[in-house]
Protein backbone atom coordinates (compact mmCIF):
# COMPACT_ATOMS: atom_id res chain seq x y z
CA MET A 1 98.50 130.88 132.67
CA LYS A 2 95.62 132.12 130.53
CA LEU A 3 93.08 134.35 132.25
CA LEU A 4 89.82 135.67 130.85
CA LEU A 5 88.77 139.02 132.36
CA ILE A 6 85.05 139.71 131.91
CA GLU A 7 84.45 143.34 132.89
CA ASP A 8 82.39 146.01 131.10
CA ASP A 9 84.08 149.01 132.75
CA PRO A 10 86.90 149.87 130.31
CA VAL A 11 88.94 151.83 132.85
CA LEU A 12 88.87 149.06 135.43
CA ALA A 13 89.44 146.41 132.77
CA GLY A 14 92.50 148.24 131.48
CA ALA A 15 94.02 148.71 134.92
CA LEU A 16 93.32 145.10 135.91
CA SER A 17 94.72 143.73 132.67
CA GLN A 18 97.96 145.61 133.22
CA ALA A 19 98.24 144.43 136.83
CA LEU A 20 97.46 140.83 135.91
CA ARG A 21 100.05 140.78 133.14
CA GLY A 22 102.54 142.09 135.66
CA GLU A 23 101.75 139.00 137.74
CA GLY A 24 102.57 136.75 134.80
CA PHE A 25 99.06 136.03 133.52
CA ILE A 26 98.21 135.97 129.83
CA VAL A 27 95.11 138.16 129.79
CA GLU A 28 92.25 138.54 127.34
CA ALA A 29 89.42 140.91 128.23
CA ALA A 30 85.74 140.70 127.28
CA THR A 31 83.21 143.46 127.86
CA THR A 32 80.11 141.38 127.06
CA GLY A 33 78.87 137.92 127.85
CA LYS A 34 78.71 137.01 124.18
CA THR A 35 82.38 137.81 123.68
CA ALA A 36 83.28 135.93 126.87
CA VAL A 37 81.51 132.78 125.65
CA SER A 38 83.33 132.95 122.30
CA LEU A 39 86.73 133.43 123.94
CA CYS A 40 86.14 130.67 126.47
CA ARG A 41 85.15 128.23 123.75
CA ALA A 42 88.03 129.12 121.43
CA GLN A 43 90.88 129.73 123.86
CA GLN A 44 90.15 127.53 126.89
CA PRO A 45 91.43 129.85 129.64
CA GLU A 46 92.27 128.34 133.01
CA ILE A 47 90.88 131.16 135.18
CA ALA A 48 88.11 133.71 134.63
CA ILE A 49 87.40 136.91 136.55
CA LEU A 50 83.70 137.65 136.14
CA ASP A 51 81.72 140.83 136.76
CA LEU A 52 78.04 140.00 137.34
CA GLY A 53 76.69 143.29 135.98
CA LEU A 54 77.24 142.83 132.25
CA PRO A 55 75.19 144.72 129.64
CA ASP A 56 73.90 141.74 127.65
CA ILE A 57 73.51 138.85 130.09
CA ASP A 58 73.24 138.31 133.82
CA GLY A 59 76.57 137.23 135.24
CA VAL A 60 75.19 134.22 137.10
CA LYS A 61 73.61 132.93 133.89
CA LEU A 62 76.89 133.50 132.04
CA LEU A 63 78.72 131.61 134.76
CA GLY A 64 76.59 128.57 134.02
CA GLN A 65 77.37 128.85 130.31
CA LEU A 66 81.10 129.08 130.95
CA ARG A 67 80.94 126.06 133.21
CA ALA A 68 79.13 124.10 130.47
CA ILE A 69 81.91 124.97 128.01
CA GLN A 70 84.82 124.22 130.33
CA ARG A 71 84.15 122.37 133.56
CA SER A 72 87.69 122.87 134.86
CA LEU A 73 87.55 126.67 134.53
CA ALA A 74 88.19 128.42 137.86
CA VAL A 75 85.92 131.45 138.25
CA LEU A 76 86.42 134.39 140.59
CA VAL A 77 83.40 136.69 140.72
CA LEU A 78 84.38 140.36 141.06
CA THR A 79 81.30 142.51 141.56
CA ALA A 80 79.69 145.43 143.36
CA ARG A 81 76.78 143.19 144.36
CA ASP A 82 77.32 142.72 148.08
CA GLY A 83 74.05 141.05 149.01
CA LEU A 84 74.10 137.62 150.61
CA ASP A 85 71.61 136.28 148.06
CA ASP A 86 73.83 137.40 145.17
CA LYS A 87 76.85 135.71 146.72
CA VAL A 88 74.99 132.49 147.41
CA SER A 89 73.56 132.42 143.86
CA ALA A 90 76.99 132.87 142.30
CA LEU A 91 78.63 130.23 144.49
CA ASP A 92 75.79 127.80 143.86
CA ALA A 93 76.17 128.42 140.12
CA GLY A 94 79.79 127.29 140.29
CA ALA A 95 81.90 130.29 141.30
CA ASP A 96 85.10 129.35 143.13
CA ASP A 97 85.44 132.70 144.92
CA TYR A 98 83.58 135.98 145.37
CA LEU A 99 85.23 139.39 145.84
CA ILE A 100 83.26 142.59 146.32
CA LYS A 101 84.16 145.94 144.73
CA PRO A 102 85.91 148.10 145.74
CA PHE A 103 88.81 145.76 146.42
CA GLU A 104 92.55 145.79 147.01
CA THR A 105 94.64 144.48 144.11
CA ALA A 106 96.90 142.59 146.50
CA GLU A 107 93.93 140.63 147.83
CA LEU A 108 92.74 139.81 144.31
CA MET A 109 96.18 138.49 143.38
CA ALA A 110 96.34 136.40 146.55
CA ARG A 111 92.97 134.85 145.77
CA LEU A 112 94.09 134.08 142.23
CA ARG A 113 97.16 132.31 143.58
CA VAL A 114 94.85 130.16 145.69
CA LEU A 115 92.86 129.24 142.56
CA ALA A 116 96.10 128.43 140.74
CA ARG A 117 97.09 126.05 143.52
CA ARG A 118 93.67 124.39 143.34
CA LEU A 119 94.23 123.87 139.64
CA GLY A 120 97.40 122.01 140.49
CA THR A 121 99.76 124.54 138.94
CA ALA A 122 101.65 125.05 142.17
CA GLU A 123 101.79 123.15 145.44
CA SER A 124 102.70 126.30 147.39
CA SER A 125 104.19 129.75 146.86
CA LEU A 126 107.66 128.15 146.84
CA ILE A 127 108.74 125.58 144.27
CA THR A 128 112.09 123.97 145.04
CA LEU A 129 114.03 121.71 142.73
CA GLY A 130 117.53 120.81 143.82
CA GLU A 131 119.34 124.00 144.73
CA LEU A 132 116.93 126.18 142.76
CA THR A 133 113.90 127.81 144.41
CA LEU A 134 111.11 129.72 142.69
CA ASP A 135 109.09 132.15 144.79
CA VAL A 136 105.78 132.39 142.93
CA ALA A 137 104.31 135.02 145.25
CA ASN A 138 107.22 137.43 144.70
CA HIS A 139 108.22 136.43 141.16
CA ALA A 140 111.77 135.63 142.20
CA ALA A 141 114.19 132.80 141.62
CA HIS A 142 117.19 131.83 143.77
CA HIS A 143 120.07 129.43 143.24
CA GLN A 144 121.83 128.49 146.46
CA GLN A 145 120.11 131.51 148.07
CA THR A 146 121.51 133.85 145.43
CA ALA A 147 118.90 135.82 143.50
CA LEU A 148 118.81 135.25 139.75
CA GLU A 149 118.27 138.18 137.42
CA LEU A 150 115.62 136.97 134.99
CA THR A 151 113.57 138.78 132.39
CA ARG A 152 109.79 138.45 132.62
CA ARG A 153 109.70 135.84 129.85
CA GLU A 154 112.58 133.89 131.38
CA TYR A 155 110.81 133.83 134.73
CA MET A 156 107.55 132.67 133.14
CA LEU A 157 109.38 129.96 131.21
CA LEU A 158 111.23 128.72 134.30
CA LYS A 159 107.94 128.74 136.24
CA ALA A 160 106.20 126.69 133.55
CA LEU A 161 108.99 124.11 133.58
CA MET A 162 109.33 123.86 137.35
CA GLU A 163 105.58 123.57 137.90
CA SER A 164 105.69 120.52 135.64
CA ALA A 165 108.95 119.06 136.91
CA GLY A 166 109.53 115.56 135.60
CA ARG A 167 107.12 116.05 132.71
CA ILE A 168 108.01 117.06 129.17
CA GLN A 169 106.73 120.43 127.97
CA THR A 170 106.41 120.84 124.22
CA LYS A 171 107.48 124.01 122.48
CA GLU A 172 103.85 124.70 121.60
CA ALA A 173 102.70 124.32 125.20
CA LEU A 174 105.40 126.70 126.41
CA GLU A 175 104.48 129.25 123.75
CA GLN A 176 100.89 129.18 125.00
CA ARG A 177 102.08 129.85 128.55
CA LEU A 178 104.33 132.75 127.53
CA TYR A 179 102.36 134.59 124.88
CA GLY A 180 98.90 136.08 124.57
CA TRP A 181 96.11 135.13 122.22
CA GLY A 182 96.87 136.27 118.70
CA GLU A 183 100.37 137.45 119.61
CA GLU A 184 102.83 136.66 116.84
CA VAL A 185 105.64 134.37 117.97
CA ALA A 186 108.82 133.77 115.95
CA SER A 187 109.60 130.13 115.16
CA ASN A 188 112.77 130.08 117.29
CA THR A 189 111.54 132.20 120.20
CA ILE A 190 111.37 129.41 122.78
CA GLU A 191 114.80 128.15 121.78
CA VAL A 192 116.25 131.64 122.30
CA HIS A 193 114.64 131.97 125.75
CA ILE A 194 115.84 128.48 126.73
CA SER A 195 119.37 129.33 125.62
CA ASN A 196 119.41 132.58 127.62
CA LEU A 197 117.88 130.89 130.66
CA ARG A 198 120.41 128.06 130.62
CA LYS A 199 123.24 130.58 130.98
CA LYS A 200 121.77 131.63 134.34
CA LEU A 201 120.93 128.17 135.71
CA PRO A 202 122.97 125.17 136.87
CA GLU A 203 124.43 123.08 134.06
CA GLN A 204 122.00 120.50 132.65
CA PHE A 205 119.11 121.87 134.75
CA ILE A 206 116.96 122.18 131.61
CA GLN A 207 117.08 119.06 129.48
CA THR A 208 116.14 118.93 125.82
CA ILE A 209 114.04 115.99 124.69
CA ARG A 210 114.95 116.00 121.02
CA GLY A 211 111.98 116.38 118.72
CA VAL A 212 109.55 116.74 121.65
CA GLY A 213 110.37 119.60 124.01
CA TYR A 214 112.00 120.39 127.34
CA THR A 215 111.92 119.17 130.92
CA VAL A 216 113.49 119.80 134.32
CA GLY A 217 113.98 117.46 137.24
CA LYS A 218 113.94 114.35 135.07
CA SER A 219 116.68 111.80 135.63
C-alpha cells in the first residue's frame, strides 16, 4: 500500500519511513506542502500522514488540497497541536484520524491498520482462505497452523493476492504494491516472486490467468 508521509522534521521523517516500510508500506516522504501536492497528484497514494506545521503552507489548507486531488485518500494528522480547535478544524477539513505528538509507534501502526480496513483492503487483522491464514497485524502466514517462512516481498505479494481473493491482479498492479516510487523493477521480478511463493504454498493456490495476471481463491 502506498503511503505519503508529509513531515518537515528530517529525523522524525527518517525514523517513521523506516518503521512504516517495516510494516509493509511503500513510503514516499515530503517535507513541504508543494512537494506533497505534486506527489499526491502523480502517484495517487492510498494513505497520507500529515503534519500540520509545514514551512510553506498550513496543514489544514493542504489537507483540503489533497482531498480535492484524491477524494478517496485516507489522511491521518500527526501533529504537536493539541488544542481542541485544531483537532476540530482538521477533522472538519476531512482528516480521518488525529494523533498528537509525542506518540507511540505501535499506536500509529494500529490506527493505520484501521484506515486500511476502512479502505477495504482488509476485513480484519486475519485473512483466511482455505487452510491458509494471513495475520496482517503480525505479518505472519500459517498453513494448517504451521508458520510459513516468507521473505518480506513474498509476504507483501501474498497479502496483495489474498486481500483481493477472487479478483485478478495484473503484474503491473502487483509491482505497484511491492515496490516504491521510482524503484527499478526487473521485467521478470513478479514471476520470480510468484515461483518462490508457490513452493511454500498449497498446490494450485496461486492461479495464473495467462496474459492477464494472477489470482487466488478463484474456482
